[in-house]
């Protein structure tokens, strides 16, 4: 009894502020760790999360691609992965991906809402959600038809002409070339002309203001720790981002302001003869529209499912939506295609027999005929090499989908708002589907080999209804450049050529040190 009284006296003698501090710490700890219990209770295996940070410290340390491969090898094709306090499930099983990306698309319509952004980025077709995504996709898809792409051929040829001149100069000087910057200039020129009808000539001006700001946007490593804060506490991120505004948003603000300026000038001039993507979007605002212009929603049956999916009634694109699409065309068209071109010629330089085989095919099939929309489709071996490049070097290493309701797939339960993480790079390098995955082997995509491919093990552009909307333009731009350059030049390794390539630890695949080669005349 004396011991009890002594204990009680000690408890009540502790100052109130200490109790308040203690209880506050306990409450914060519970708040930071309770989300981790659910997936463990559901039997989803995975690495132990760090309080508040989840599995983000390992991701920052190792990067997506190395970590995804290690985790899948250790825990299997379905495992937990916590983005800060938010529960995620990595899915690398092809059959389950068929359900997530296609069959149950109405459940997994949206990309993650955890990534930081503002009003403009939320209006991009890349980030739009539910009915708004469906509306934007419907409005933008006609801009990438065969007829529209044919109209862009002269603009692409102008950029290729400048690319040839740069290659000629490098071949004559014999100097080593940063291929990443070379092709970055080319893709910037293409996207500026095909999207906005402007000439920026970034190939001859390495300090071009457009390319400089685009590159800064993709330099995500600078304030990675700040983005991690968003996964832990979004309001805190918004507060911190105010103090780091110049680092986070100024490069993008430059491009957004530029897009607004272009839109205003184009509407003022009322020049309907332009064939670029900006004009195509403006034209949709002028077209007669018999449907009610409203933001209301109706219910419709989602294809191949029993789920109902809301869509917007037909209306016209707003100016803000046009600017948002201009920004994503600018960014996506610049980085992804330039990186793919760089990885491809790096692979060809290290495999001269494959490079020679492409050159022979171009000579035999096209001769001196200029590359265009039709004849680039007549080069099957070139197509195989591009596909193998995208298999080995998928620019988007992961894609995320969010479950909008509870669902069970193949006996795995996905709670509502779970982030589904699809590890594209890890799937592309799984020897179960791709033997000797580090080997560059275009024969994997021969007609005979493709018949044996396991569906949903090749996802360089994503899959299902949200597959990359600009993929046909990207492939056309890539093929035309490769055809014209390989007609006159070849790529060879040099002292600074790196293999294996050291990758950035970011969501977009890129070489830390760039890709350096030499260019020689044939």
Protein backbone atom coordinates (compact mmCIF):
# COMPACT_ATOMS: atom_id res chain seq x y z
CA UNK A 1 0.00 0.00 0.00
CA UNK A 2 2.84 2.36 0.82
CA UNK A 3 4.38 1.66 -2.60
CA UNK A 4 1.11 2.58 -4.34
CA UNK A 5 0.83 5.83 -2.42
CA UNK A 6 4.45 6.64 -3.19
CA UNK A 7 3.88 6.01 -6.92
CA UNK A 8 0.75 8.17 -6.93
CA UNK A 9 2.57 11.01 -5.22
CA UNK A 10 5.37 10.83 -7.79
CA UNK A 11 2.89 10.87 -10.67
CA UNK A 12 0.97 13.87 -9.36
CA UNK A 13 4.15 15.72 -8.48
CA UNK A 14 5.27 15.82 -12.14
CA UNK A 15 4.61 19.32 -13.55
CA UNK A 16 1.67 19.63 -15.97
CA UNK A 17 3.79 20.94 -18.83
CA UNK A 18 5.84 17.72 -18.79
CA UNK A 19 2.67 15.65 -19.03
CA UNK A 20 1.43 17.82 -21.86
CA UNK A 21 4.75 17.46 -23.67
CA UNK A 22 4.78 13.69 -23.12
CA UNK A 23 1.22 13.20 -24.33
CA UNK A 24 1.87 15.45 -27.33
CA UNK A 25 4.89 13.37 -28.33
CA UNK A 26 2.85 10.18 -27.99
CA UNK A 27 0.01 11.66 -30.04
CA UNK A 28 2.35 12.82 -32.81
CA UNK A 29 4.08 9.42 -32.88
CA UNK A 30 0.73 7.62 -33.21
CA UNK A 31 -0.29 10.06 -35.95
CA UNK A 32 2.96 9.39 -37.82
CA UNK A 33 2.87 5.59 -37.58
CA UNK A 34 -0.72 4.37 -37.43
CA UNK A 35 -1.12 4.18 -41.28
CA UNK A 36 1.53 1.42 -41.31
CA UNK A 37 -0.67 -1.00 -39.40
CA UNK A 38 -3.32 -1.55 -42.06
CA UNK A 39 -1.23 -3.20 -44.79
CA UNK A 40 0.60 -5.30 -42.21
CA UNK A 41 -2.77 -6.47 -40.89
CA UNK A 42 -3.82 -7.35 -44.47
CA UNK A 43 -0.76 -9.57 -44.85
CA UNK A 44 1.05 -7.47 -47.47
CA UNK A 45 4.80 -8.16 -47.10
CA UNK A 46 7.35 -5.40 -47.40
CA UNK A 47 10.23 -3.50 -45.82
CA UNK A 48 9.73 -1.99 -42.38
CA UNK A 49 8.75 1.68 -42.64
CA UNK A 50 10.50 4.43 -40.71
CA UNK A 51 8.13 6.46 -38.49
CA UNK A 52 6.74 9.43 -40.43
CA UNK A 53 9.05 8.82 -43.42
CA UNK A 54 7.82 5.39 -44.45
CA UNK A 55 10.18 3.84 -47.01
CA UNK A 56 11.29 7.16 -48.51
CA UNK A 57 14.76 7.13 -46.86
CA UNK A 58 15.66 3.94 -48.75
CA UNK A 59 14.29 5.43 -51.96
CA UNK A 60 16.40 8.56 -51.53
CA UNK A 61 19.50 6.51 -50.74
CA UNK A 62 19.23 3.95 -53.56
CA UNK A 63 16.89 5.49 -56.11
CA UNK A 64 13.76 3.95 -57.60
CA UNK A 65 15.29 1.48 -59.99
CA UNK A 66 17.79 -0.23 -57.69
CA UNK A 67 15.38 -0.28 -54.76
CA UNK A 68 12.44 -1.67 -56.76
CA UNK A 69 14.53 -4.57 -58.10
CA UNK A 70 15.89 -5.40 -54.63
CA UNK A 71 12.46 -5.28 -52.98
CA UNK A 72 10.77 -7.44 -55.62
CA UNK A 73 13.54 -10.04 -55.39
CA UNK A 74 13.16 -10.12 -51.60
CA UNK A 75 9.39 -9.81 -51.04
CA UNK A 76 7.80 -10.90 -54.30
CA UNK A 77 5.73 -9.16 -56.98
CA UNK A 78 3.25 -7.59 -54.55
CA UNK A 79 4.62 -5.69 -51.55
CA UNK A 80 4.00 -2.68 -49.37
CA UNK A 81 5.83 0.60 -49.86
CA UNK A 82 4.98 3.65 -47.80
CA UNK A 83 5.31 7.12 -49.32
CA UNK A 84 5.79 8.95 -46.06
CA UNK A 85 2.60 8.29 -44.14
CA UNK A 86 0.68 7.19 -47.22
CA UNK A 87 0.21 3.45 -47.88
CA UNK A 88 1.36 2.14 -51.23
CA UNK A 89 1.51 -1.29 -52.83
CA UNK A 90 4.13 -2.13 -55.45
CA UNK A 91 2.62 -4.42 -58.09
CA UNK A 92 4.93 -6.18 -60.55
CA UNK A 93 2.61 -9.06 -61.46
CA UNK A 94 1.52 -8.79 -65.15
CA UNK A 95 -1.89 -10.37 -64.65
CA UNK A 96 -2.71 -7.96 -61.83
CA UNK A 97 -1.49 -5.05 -63.96
CA UNK A 98 -3.97 -6.06 -66.65
CA UNK A 99 -6.74 -5.58 -64.09
CA UNK A 100 -5.33 -2.30 -62.72
CA UNK A 101 -4.57 -0.62 -66.06
CA UNK A 102 -7.43 -1.96 -68.18
CA UNK A 103 -10.10 -4.22 -66.71
CA UNK A 104 -10.64 -2.21 -63.51
CA UNK A 105 -9.58 1.11 -65.00
CA UNK A 106 -12.62 2.88 -63.53
CA UNK A 107 -11.23 2.07 -60.06
CA UNK A 108 -7.65 3.09 -60.90
CA UNK A 109 -8.40 6.04 -63.20
CA UNK A 110 -6.30 8.62 -61.40
CA UNK A 111 -2.61 9.16 -60.99
CA UNK A 112 -1.33 9.96 -57.53
CA UNK A 113 -2.55 13.19 -55.94
CA UNK A 114 0.40 13.21 -53.53
CA UNK A 115 2.84 14.93 -55.87
CA UNK A 116 3.08 18.67 -55.17
CA UNK A 117 1.66 21.07 -57.71
CA UNK A 118 -0.50 24.11 -58.30
CA UNK A 119 -3.64 24.94 -60.22
CA UNK A 120 -1.93 24.83 -63.62
CA UNK A 121 -0.31 21.43 -63.04
CA UNK A 122 -3.62 20.02 -61.78
CA UNK A 123 -5.21 20.98 -65.13
CA UNK A 124 -2.64 19.06 -67.19
CA UNK A 125 -3.99 15.94 -68.89
CA UNK A 126 -1.14 14.14 -67.11
CA UNK A 127 -2.56 14.96 -63.67
CA UNK A 128 -6.27 15.53 -64.34
CA UNK A 129 -8.66 13.28 -62.46
CA UNK A 130 -11.86 11.37 -63.20
CA UNK A 131 -14.29 13.23 -65.45
CA UNK A 132 -11.87 16.08 -66.08
CA UNK A 133 -9.22 13.69 -67.39
CA UNK A 134 -11.74 12.03 -69.70
CA UNK A 135 -12.83 15.41 -71.05
CA UNK A 136 -9.25 16.58 -71.71
CA UNK A 137 -8.24 13.28 -73.27
CA UNK A 138 -11.24 13.40 -75.61
CA UNK A 139 -10.48 16.97 -76.64
CA UNK A 140 -6.74 16.45 -77.16
CA UNK A 141 -6.66 13.04 -78.88
CA UNK A 142 -7.66 14.43 -82.34
CA UNK A 143 -4.52 16.58 -82.24
CA UNK A 144 -2.36 13.46 -82.62
CA UNK A 145 -4.06 11.77 -85.58
CA UNK A 146 -2.12 10.68 -88.66
CA UNK A 147 -3.41 13.72 -90.57
CA UNK A 148 -2.19 16.12 -87.89
CA UNK A 149 1.20 14.40 -87.60
CA UNK A 150 1.72 14.59 -91.37
CA UNK A 151 1.23 18.34 -91.10
CA UNK A 152 4.10 18.51 -88.59
CA UNK A 153 6.64 16.79 -90.88
CA UNK A 154 8.06 20.06 -92.36
CA UNK A 155 8.59 21.46 -88.85
CA UNK A 156 10.44 18.32 -87.73
CA UNK A 157 12.60 18.39 -90.88
CA UNK A 158 13.74 21.93 -90.10
CA UNK A 159 14.99 20.81 -86.68
CA UNK A 160 16.68 17.75 -88.22
CA UNK A 161 18.48 19.99 -90.73
CA UNK A 162 20.09 21.88 -87.86
CA UNK A 163 20.89 18.58 -86.12
CA UNK A 164 22.71 17.39 -89.24
CA UNK A 165 24.81 20.55 -89.30
CA UNK A 166 25.78 20.08 -85.66
CA UNK A 167 26.76 16.45 -86.31
CA UNK A 168 28.77 17.54 -89.35
CA UNK A 169 30.71 20.07 -87.26
CA UNK A 170 31.43 17.50 -84.51
CA UNK A 171 32.52 14.90 -87.06
CA UNK A 172 34.96 17.32 -88.69
CA UNK A 173 36.44 18.50 -85.39
CA UNK A 174 36.69 14.98 -83.95
CA UNK A 175 35.75 16.27 -80.51
CA UNK A 176 33.79 14.30 -77.96
CA UNK A 177 30.10 15.12 -77.86
CA UNK A 178 27.66 15.34 -74.98
CA UNK A 179 24.90 13.51 -76.83
CA UNK A 180 22.32 14.37 -74.19
CA UNK A 181 22.73 18.11 -74.82
CA UNK A 182 22.86 17.57 -78.59
CA UNK A 183 19.53 15.77 -78.71
CA UNK A 184 18.07 18.04 -76.03
CA UNK A 185 18.54 20.95 -78.42
CA UNK A 186 16.88 18.98 -81.22
CA UNK A 187 13.83 17.98 -79.19
CA UNK A 188 13.45 21.51 -77.82
CA UNK A 189 13.37 22.87 -81.37
CA UNK A 190 10.82 20.25 -82.42
CA UNK A 191 8.49 20.82 -79.49
CA UNK A 192 8.72 24.61 -79.85
CA UNK A 193 7.74 24.44 -83.52
CA UNK A 194 5.15 21.65 -83.39
CA UNK A 195 3.50 22.87 -80.19
CA UNK A 196 3.80 26.65 -80.51
CA UNK A 197 4.89 27.43 -84.06
CA UNK A 198 8.01 29.28 -82.90
CA UNK A 199 11.69 28.94 -83.71
CA UNK A 200 14.01 28.95 -80.71
CA UNK A 201 17.17 27.47 -82.33
CA UNK A 202 18.37 25.92 -79.09
CA UNK A 203 20.72 23.62 -81.05
CA UNK A 204 22.94 26.57 -81.89
CA UNK A 205 22.47 28.30 -78.57
CA UNK A 206 23.26 26.01 -75.63
CA UNK A 207 22.31 28.81 -73.25
CA UNK A 208 18.86 29.16 -74.79
CA UNK A 209 16.50 30.40 -72.10
CA UNK A 210 13.82 27.82 -72.89
CA UNK A 211 16.18 24.85 -72.65
CA UNK A 212 17.83 26.25 -69.51
CA UNK A 213 14.52 26.58 -67.67
CA UNK A 214 13.32 23.17 -68.85
CA UNK A 215 16.54 21.56 -67.59
CA UNK A 216 16.15 23.27 -64.20
CA UNK A 217 12.67 21.80 -63.78
CA UNK A 218 14.08 18.30 -64.16
CA UNK A 219 16.89 18.88 -61.66
CA UNK A 220 14.80 17.28 -58.90
CA UNK A 221 17.73 16.27 -56.72
CA UNK A 222 18.39 19.80 -55.51
CA UNK A 223 15.58 19.91 -52.97
CA UNK A 224 14.57 16.25 -52.75
CA UNK A 225 14.23 16.45 -48.98
CA UNK A 226 11.64 19.20 -49.39
CA UNK A 227 9.48 17.01 -51.62
CA UNK A 228 9.70 14.25 -49.01
CA UNK A 229 8.06 16.64 -46.54
CA UNK A 230 4.97 16.70 -48.79
CA UNK A 231 4.43 12.97 -48.21
CA UNK A 232 4.59 13.48 -44.46
CA UNK A 233 2.57 16.66 -43.97
CA UNK A 234 1.23 18.55 -47.00
CA UNK A 235 0.47 21.84 -45.13
CA UNK A 236 4.06 21.93 -43.86
CA UNK A 237 5.33 21.45 -47.43
CA UNK A 238 3.24 24.38 -48.63
CA UNK A 239 4.69 26.56 -45.90
CA UNK A 240 8.27 25.51 -46.68
CA UNK A 241 7.80 25.85 -50.44
CA UNK A 242 6.95 29.53 -49.91
CA UNK A 243 10.51 30.11 -48.68
CA UNK A 244 12.06 28.06 -51.52
CA UNK A 245 9.82 29.47 -54.25
CA UNK A 246 12.65 30.56 -56.53
CA UNK A 247 14.20 27.08 -56.54
CA UNK A 248 10.96 25.17 -56.93
CA UNK A 249 8.75 27.21 -59.20
CA UNK A 250 10.57 30.04 -60.99
CA UNK A 251 11.74 27.94 -63.99
CA UNK A 252 8.20 26.61 -64.45
CA UNK A 253 6.71 30.08 -63.94
CA UNK A 254 8.87 31.33 -66.82
CA UNK A 255 7.41 28.68 -69.13
CA UNK A 256 3.84 29.25 -67.89
CA UNK A 257 4.12 33.01 -68.43
CA UNK A 258 5.55 32.37 -71.88
CA UNK A 259 2.61 30.07 -72.74
CA UNK A 260 0.15 32.76 -71.63
CA UNK A 261 1.96 35.30 -73.81
CA UNK A 262 1.82 33.00 -76.85
CA UNK A 263 -1.87 32.29 -76.31
CA UNK A 264 -2.69 35.99 -76.08
CA UNK A 265 -0.66 36.87 -79.20
CA UNK A 266 -2.16 34.01 -81.21
CA UNK A 267 -5.72 35.02 -80.33
CA UNK A 268 -4.97 38.66 -81.13
CA UNK A 269 -3.50 37.79 -84.54
CA UNK A 270 -6.31 35.30 -85.26
CA UNK A 271 -3.95 33.37 -87.57
CA UNK A 272 -5.81 30.13 -88.27
CA UNK A 273 -3.24 28.86 -90.80
CA UNK A 274 -0.92 27.55 -88.09
CA UNK A 275 -0.77 23.76 -87.77
CA UNK A 276 0.81 23.56 -84.32
CA UNK A 277 -0.80 22.05 -81.22
CA UNK A 278 -1.53 25.47 -79.70
CA UNK A 279 -3.61 26.50 -82.71
CA UNK A 280 -5.44 23.17 -82.71
CA UNK A 281 -6.51 23.75 -79.11
CA UNK A 282 -7.56 27.34 -79.86
CA UNK A 283 -9.63 26.05 -82.79
CA UNK A 284 -11.66 23.87 -80.42
CA UNK A 285 -12.81 27.08 -78.71
CA UNK A 286 -14.14 28.43 -81.99
CA UNK A 287 -15.93 25.32 -83.22
CA UNK A 288 -19.73 25.20 -82.95
CA UNK A 289 -20.81 23.12 -79.99
CA UNK A 290 -24.39 21.92 -79.75
CA UNK A 291 -23.87 20.34 -76.36
CA UNK A 292 -24.57 22.18 -73.14
CA UNK A 293 -21.49 24.00 -71.83
CA UNK A 294 -21.42 22.95 -68.21
CA UNK A 295 -19.23 21.49 -65.54
CA UNK A 296 -22.01 19.14 -64.47
CA UNK A 297 -21.49 15.40 -64.60
CA UNK A 298 -23.46 12.50 -65.95
CA UNK A 299 -23.09 8.80 -65.29
CA UNK A 300 -21.89 6.46 -67.99
CA UNK A 301 -20.83 2.84 -68.09
CA UNK A 302 -17.04 2.47 -68.17
CA UNK A 303 -15.89 0.19 -70.96
CA UNK A 304 -15.27 -3.46 -70.02
CA UNK A 305 -16.39 -2.93 -66.43
CA UNK A 306 -19.55 -2.89 -64.39
CA UNK A 307 -18.49 0.33 -62.68
CA UNK A 308 -20.04 3.73 -63.36
CA UNK A 309 -17.64 6.53 -64.18
CA UNK A 310 -18.62 10.21 -64.19
CA UNK A 311 -17.75 12.27 -67.23
CA UNK A 312 -18.12 15.97 -68.01
CA UNK A 313 -20.68 17.03 -70.56
CA UNK A 314 -19.05 18.35 -73.69
CA UNK A 315 -17.73 21.89 -73.45
CA UNK A 316 -14.87 23.94 -74.79
CA UNK A 317 -11.32 24.14 -73.46
CA UNK A 318 -10.69 27.11 -71.19
CA UNK A 319 -7.63 29.34 -71.65
CA UNK A 320 -6.18 28.00 -68.42
CA UNK A 321 -6.57 24.42 -69.65
CA UNK A 322 -4.83 25.31 -72.92
CA UNK A 323 -1.88 26.84 -71.05
CA UNK A 324 -1.65 23.75 -68.82
CA UNK A 325 -1.47 21.45 -71.86
CA UNK A 326 1.13 23.70 -73.50
CA UNK A 327 3.30 23.33 -70.42
CA UNK A 328 3.09 19.53 -70.31
CA UNK A 329 3.75 19.28 -74.08
CA UNK A 330 6.83 21.46 -73.55
CA UNK A 331 8.20 19.43 -70.66
CA UNK A 332 7.26 15.91 -71.77
CA UNK A 333 8.34 16.49 -75.35
CA UNK A 334 11.73 17.85 -74.34
CA UNK A 335 13.13 15.44 -71.76
CA UNK A 336 11.69 12.04 -72.66
CA UNK A 337 12.50 11.96 -76.38
CA UNK A 338 15.97 13.49 -75.90
CA UNK A 339 16.84 10.84 -73.30
CA UNK A 340 15.53 8.00 -75.45
CA UNK A 341 17.59 9.19 -78.43
CA UNK A 342 20.66 9.45 -76.20
CA UNK A 343 20.27 5.95 -74.77
CA UNK A 344 19.65 4.53 -78.23
CA UNK A 345 22.76 5.94 -79.91
CA UNK A 346 24.80 4.96 -76.84
CA UNK A 347 23.61 1.36 -77.37
CA UNK A 348 24.37 1.56 -81.09
CA UNK A 349 27.87 2.91 -80.45
CA UNK A 350 28.59 -0.09 -78.20
CA UNK A 351 27.03 -2.48 -80.74
CA UNK A 352 28.42 -1.41 -84.14
CA UNK A 353 26.99 -4.49 -85.85
CA UNK A 354 23.47 -3.45 -84.85
CA UNK A 355 24.15 0.14 -85.94
CA UNK A 356 25.35 -1.12 -89.33
CA UNK A 357 22.26 -3.30 -89.73
CA UNK A 358 19.99 -0.27 -89.23
CA UNK A 359 22.01 1.75 -91.74
CA UNK A 360 21.74 -1.04 -94.30
CA UNK A 361 17.98 -1.26 -93.78
CA UNK A 362 17.59 2.49 -94.29
CA UNK A 363 19.66 2.35 -97.46
CA UNK A 364 17.88 -0.71 -98.87
CA UNK A 365 14.32 0.37 -98.07
CA UNK A 366 14.36 4.16 -98.34
CA UNK A 367 17.45 4.97 -100.38
CA UNK A 368 17.60 8.78 -100.58
CA UNK A 369 13.87 9.19 -99.99
CA UNK A 370 13.23 11.76 -97.21
CA UNK A 371 11.75 10.31 -94.05
CA UNK A 372 8.03 10.98 -93.60
CA UNK A 373 5.04 9.64 -91.69
CA UNK A 374 4.47 6.71 -94.07
CA UNK A 375 7.92 5.43 -94.92
CA UNK A 376 9.30 5.39 -91.36
CA UNK A 377 6.83 2.55 -90.76
CA UNK A 378 8.63 0.41 -93.36
CA UNK A 379 11.75 -0.19 -91.24
CA UNK A 380 11.02 -3.16 -88.93
CA UNK A 381 14.56 -3.54 -87.59
CA UNK A 382 14.71 0.14 -86.64
CA UNK A 383 11.41 -0.37 -84.83
CA UNK A 384 12.91 -3.34 -82.97
CA UNK A 385 15.90 -1.26 -81.87
CA UNK A 386 13.68 1.54 -80.59
CA UNK A 387 11.53 -0.96 -78.68
CA UNK A 388 14.60 -2.55 -77.12
CA UNK A 389 15.93 0.87 -76.13
CA UNK A 390 12.65 1.64 -74.40
CA UNK A 391 12.71 -1.76 -72.70
CA UNK A 392 16.21 -1.37 -71.37
CA UNK A 393 15.93 2.35 -70.67
CA UNK A 394 12.29 3.24 -69.87
CA UNK A 395 12.34 6.97 -69.20
CA UNK A 396 9.45 6.75 -66.74
CA UNK A 397 10.75 4.29 -64.14
CA UNK A 398 7.52 4.14 -62.12
CA UNK A 399 3.89 5.09 -62.58
CA UNK A 400 1.34 5.49 -59.81
CA UNK A 401 -2.40 4.86 -59.69
CA UNK A 402 -4.79 5.54 -56.84
CA UNK A 403 -7.62 3.17 -55.87
CA UNK A 404 -10.86 5.17 -55.60
CA UNK A 405 -12.62 2.38 -53.68
CA UNK A 406 -11.84 -0.87 -51.87
CA UNK A 407 -11.13 -3.70 -54.32
CA UNK A 408 -9.71 -7.23 -54.33
CA UNK A 409 -7.53 -8.40 -57.23
CA UNK A 410 -6.13 -11.93 -57.34
CA UNK A 411 -6.80 -12.33 -53.60
CA UNK A 412 -4.93 -9.12 -52.76
CA UNK A 413 -7.01 -6.45 -51.05
CA UNK A 414 -6.44 -2.80 -52.02
CA UNK A 415 -8.03 -0.35 -49.56
CA UNK A 416 -9.50 2.88 -50.89
CA UNK A 417 -6.89 5.64 -51.54
CA UNK A 418 -4.03 3.14 -51.63
CA UNK A 419 -1.28 4.23 -54.01
CA UNK A 420 -0.51 1.46 -56.51
CA UNK A 421 3.12 1.72 -57.64
CA UNK A 422 3.97 0.08 -60.98
CA UNK A 423 7.78 -0.41 -61.17
CA UNK A 424 8.30 -0.24 -64.93
CA UNK A 425 12.09 -0.38 -64.88
CA UNK A 426 12.10 -3.40 -62.56
CA UNK A 427 9.56 -5.22 -64.74
CA UNK A 428 11.59 -4.47 -67.87
CA UNK A 429 14.66 -5.95 -66.19
CA UNK A 430 13.06 -9.06 -64.75
CA UNK A 431 14.93 -12.07 -66.24
CA UNK A 432 11.73 -14.13 -65.94
CA UNK A 433 10.31 -12.09 -68.83
CA UNK A 434 13.47 -10.71 -70.42
CA UNK A 435 16.46 -13.11 -70.26
CA UNK A 436 19.81 -11.33 -69.86
CA UNK A 437 17.99 -8.05 -69.24
CA UNK A 438 21.14 -5.90 -69.33
CA UNK A 439 21.96 -7.05 -72.85
CA UNK A 440 20.86 -4.82 -75.74
CA UNK A 441 19.14 -7.30 -78.06
CA UNK A 442 16.66 -5.99 -80.67
CA UNK A 443 15.76 -9.58 -81.58
CA UNK A 444 13.55 -9.61 -78.48
CA UNK A 445 11.08 -7.64 -80.60
CA UNK A 446 11.19 -9.64 -83.81
CA UNK A 447 7.72 -10.72 -85.00
CA UNK A 448 8.34 -14.28 -83.78
CA UNK A 449 9.64 -13.19 -80.37
CA UNK A 450 6.76 -10.77 -79.78
CA UNK A 451 4.28 -13.63 -79.98
CA UNK A 452 5.87 -15.06 -76.83
CA UNK A 453 5.84 -11.81 -74.83
CA UNK A 454 3.89 -11.84 -71.59
CA UNK A 455 1.31 -9.02 -71.78
CA UNK A 456 1.93 -6.05 -69.46
CA UNK A 457 5.65 -6.74 -69.10
CA UNK A 458 6.49 -3.96 -71.59
CA UNK A 459 5.15 -0.58 -70.47
CA UNK A 460 7.46 2.25 -71.65
CA UNK A 461 4.47 4.53 -72.30
CA UNK A 462 2.26 3.16 -69.54
CA UNK A 463 -0.78 1.11 -70.46
CA UNK A 464 -4.55 1.15 -70.78
CA UNK A 465 -6.65 4.26 -71.49
CA UNK A 466 -4.08 6.54 -69.81
CA UNK A 467 -1.24 5.48 -72.10
CA UNK A 468 0.93 8.45 -73.15
CA UNK A 469 -1.13 10.67 -75.45
CA UNK A 470 1.93 11.95 -77.35
CA UNK A 471 3.57 8.63 -78.06
CA UNK A 472 2.97 8.71 -81.84
CA UNK A 473 4.53 12.18 -82.15
CA UNK A 474 7.48 11.11 -79.99
CA UNK A 475 8.10 7.99 -82.11
CA UNK A 476 7.86 9.97 -85.35
CA UNK A 477 10.28 12.60 -84.08
CA UNK A 478 12.69 9.90 -82.89
CA UNK A 479 12.56 7.80 -86.08
CA UNK A 480 13.02 10.74 -88.44
CA UNK A 481 16.08 11.94 -86.54
CA UNK A 482 17.73 8.52 -86.36
CA UNK A 483 17.11 7.80 -90.05
CA UNK A 484 18.58 11.06 -91.27
CA UNK A 485 21.60 11.01 -88.96
CA UNK A 486 22.54 7.37 -89.55
CA UNK A 487 22.48 7.97 -93.31
CA UNK A 488 25.57 10.17 -93.00
CA UNK A 489 27.19 9.45 -89.65
CA UNK A 490 27.95 6.76 -87.12
CA UNK A 491 28.36 6.94 -83.36
CA UNK A 492 31.44 5.48 -81.71
CA UNK A 493 32.57 5.19 -78.07
CA UNK A 494 35.30 7.42 -76.71
CA UNK A 495 37.36 7.66 -73.54
CA UNK A 496 34.53 9.35 -71.63
CA UNK A 497 31.86 6.89 -72.75
CA UNK A 498 30.35 5.36 -69.63
CA UNK A 499 29.12 1.77 -69.37
CA UNK A 500 27.18 0.81 -67.44
CA UNK A 501 25.54 4.22 -67.31
CA UNK A 502 25.23 5.79 -63.86
CA UNK A 503 21.62 6.89 -63.44
CA UNK A 504 20.10 9.79 -61.55
CA UNK A 505 18.07 8.88 -58.47
CA UNK A 506 14.85 10.40 -59.77
CA UNK A 507 11.55 9.36 -61.28
CA UNK A 508 12.82 10.11 -64.80
CA UNK A 509 15.67 7.94 -66.06
CA UNK A 510 18.71 9.98 -66.96
CA UNK A 511 22.49 9.72 -66.93
CA UNK A 512 24.14 11.57 -64.05
CA UNK A 513 27.18 12.43 -66.16
CA UNK A 514 25.40 12.71 -69.47
CA UNK A 515 26.27 10.46 -72.42
CA UNK A 516 29.49 11.22 -74.27
CA UNK A 517 30.35 9.76 -77.70
CA UNK A 518 32.14 10.66 -80.90
CA UNK A 519 30.48 11.19 -84.28
CA UNK A 520 32.18 10.04 -87.48
CA UNK A 521 31.24 10.48 -91.12
CA UNK A 522 30.38 7.38 -93.11
